[in-house]
């Protein structure tokens, strides 16, 4: 019978996989996600109609893309319209990018 040849790199490989697995689940925290978005929405409601409001809506839209696509699309559309009112070209471009990302998340690649 052949004796098992223990090699240290098998143990290191297993340890690395365990660490990566634990790191992955440490980032998933629904309560933190909800608190973060609630604070962004409170800040959004208190902000005047200026470029910071456009950027907040862009951030909210980007964060909601995976979880709530319809909310993401709504924030992106609002950001686009506000950026156009303010003639904020960079914000409009960012909002269009996030809008495209939200449409991709919904599976609707082509939207006139």
Protein backbone atom coordinates (compact mmCIF):
# COMPACT_ATOMS: atom_id res chain seq x y z
CA UNK A 1 0.00 0.00 0.00
CA UNK A 2 1.32 3.40 -0.99
CA UNK A 3 1.70 5.95 1.75
CA UNK A 4 -0.08 9.28 1.29
CA UNK A 5 2.45 11.92 0.36
CA UNK A 6 1.37 15.10 2.17
CA UNK A 7 2.37 18.23 0.31
CA UNK A 8 2.14 21.63 2.02
CA UNK A 9 0.73 23.41 -1.02
CA UNK A 10 -2.48 21.37 -0.78
CA UNK A 11 -3.01 22.80 2.68
CA UNK A 12 -2.20 26.32 1.52
CA UNK A 13 -4.56 25.94 -1.41
CA UNK A 14 -7.36 24.81 0.90
CA UNK A 15 -6.66 27.63 3.30
CA UNK A 16 -6.72 30.17 0.48
CA UNK A 17 -10.07 28.85 -0.76
CA UNK A 18 -11.53 29.05 2.73
CA UNK A 19 -10.31 32.63 3.16
CA UNK A 20 -11.74 33.66 -0.22
CA UNK A 21 -15.05 31.98 0.61
CA UNK A 22 -15.28 33.83 3.93
CA UNK A 23 -14.36 37.14 2.30
CA UNK A 24 -17.10 36.74 -0.28
CA UNK A 25 -19.78 36.30 2.35
CA UNK A 26 -18.46 39.11 4.54
CA UNK A 27 -19.48 41.64 1.85
CA UNK A 28 -23.05 40.42 1.67
CA UNK A 29 -25.08 42.22 4.29
CA UNK A 30 -28.63 43.18 3.36
CA UNK A 31 -29.11 45.45 6.35
CA UNK A 32 -26.05 47.50 5.49
CA UNK A 33 -27.26 47.71 1.88
CA UNK A 34 -30.65 49.01 3.01
CA UNK A 35 -29.15 51.51 5.45
CA UNK A 36 -26.77 52.82 2.80
CA UNK A 37 -29.55 53.38 0.28
CA UNK A 38 -31.82 54.92 2.88
CA UNK A 39 -29.12 57.43 3.77
CA UNK A 40 -28.54 58.24 0.09
CA UNK A 41 -32.27 58.77 -0.41
CA UNK A 42 -32.48 61.04 2.63
CA UNK A 43 -29.55 63.05 1.32
CA UNK A 44 -31.20 63.19 -2.10
CA UNK A 45 -34.43 64.57 -0.65
CA UNK A 46 -32.54 67.34 1.18
CA UNK A 47 -30.34 68.32 -1.76
CA UNK A 48 -31.20 71.24 -4.02
CA UNK A 49 -31.55 70.72 -7.76
CA UNK A 50 -27.89 70.99 -8.71
CA UNK A 51 -25.07 68.81 -9.92
CA UNK A 52 -24.73 66.99 -6.59
CA UNK A 53 -28.33 65.80 -6.91
CA UNK A 54 -27.55 64.47 -10.39
CA UNK A 55 -24.54 62.59 -9.01
CA UNK A 56 -26.55 61.14 -6.13
CA UNK A 57 -29.22 59.86 -8.52
CA UNK A 58 -26.51 58.34 -10.71
CA UNK A 59 -25.02 56.57 -7.70
CA UNK A 60 -28.41 55.27 -6.60
CA UNK A 61 -29.20 54.10 -10.11
CA UNK A 62 -25.93 52.22 -10.40
CA UNK A 63 -26.40 50.53 -7.05
CA UNK A 64 -29.97 49.44 -7.75
CA UNK A 65 -29.18 47.94 -11.18
CA UNK A 66 -28.78 44.36 -9.97
CA UNK A 67 -31.41 44.34 -7.23
CA UNK A 68 -34.26 46.56 -8.47
CA UNK A 69 -33.92 47.34 -12.14
CA UNK A 70 -37.08 49.44 -12.42
CA UNK A 71 -35.89 51.73 -9.60
CA UNK A 72 -32.51 51.98 -11.28
CA UNK A 73 -34.10 53.01 -14.58
CA UNK A 74 -36.27 55.60 -12.83
CA UNK A 75 -33.29 57.23 -11.06
CA UNK A 76 -31.26 57.25 -14.29
CA UNK A 77 -34.08 58.93 -16.21
CA UNK A 78 -34.50 61.55 -13.50
CA UNK A 79 -30.74 62.18 -13.50
CA UNK A 80 -30.72 62.61 -17.28
CA UNK A 81 -33.57 65.10 -17.24
CA UNK A 82 -32.09 67.13 -14.37
CA UNK A 83 -28.65 67.15 -16.00
CA UNK A 84 -30.21 68.47 -19.21
CA UNK A 85 -32.07 71.21 -17.29
CA UNK A 86 -28.80 72.24 -15.63
CA UNK A 87 -26.84 71.90 -18.88
CA UNK A 88 -24.47 69.58 -17.01
CA UNK A 89 -22.93 67.60 -19.88
CA UNK A 90 -20.66 65.38 -17.81
CA UNK A 91 -23.55 64.43 -15.52
CA UNK A 92 -25.76 63.74 -18.51
CA UNK A 93 -23.10 61.45 -19.97
CA UNK A 94 -22.71 59.57 -16.69
CA UNK A 95 -26.47 59.27 -16.33
CA UNK A 96 -26.78 57.95 -19.89
CA UNK A 97 -24.10 55.37 -19.11
CA UNK A 98 -25.93 54.23 -15.96
CA UNK A 99 -29.21 54.21 -17.87
CA UNK A 100 -27.68 51.88 -20.45
CA UNK A 101 -26.35 49.69 -17.65
CA UNK A 102 -29.83 49.56 -16.09
CA UNK A 103 -31.37 48.63 -19.43
CA UNK A 104 -28.77 45.91 -19.76
CA UNK A 105 -29.72 44.69 -16.27
CA UNK A 106 -33.35 44.49 -17.31
CA UNK A 107 -32.46 42.55 -20.44
CA UNK A 108 -33.73 45.34 -22.67
CA UNK A 109 -30.68 46.16 -24.75
CA UNK A 110 -32.39 48.36 -27.35
CA UNK A 111 -34.62 51.17 -26.17
CA UNK A 112 -35.40 54.22 -28.29
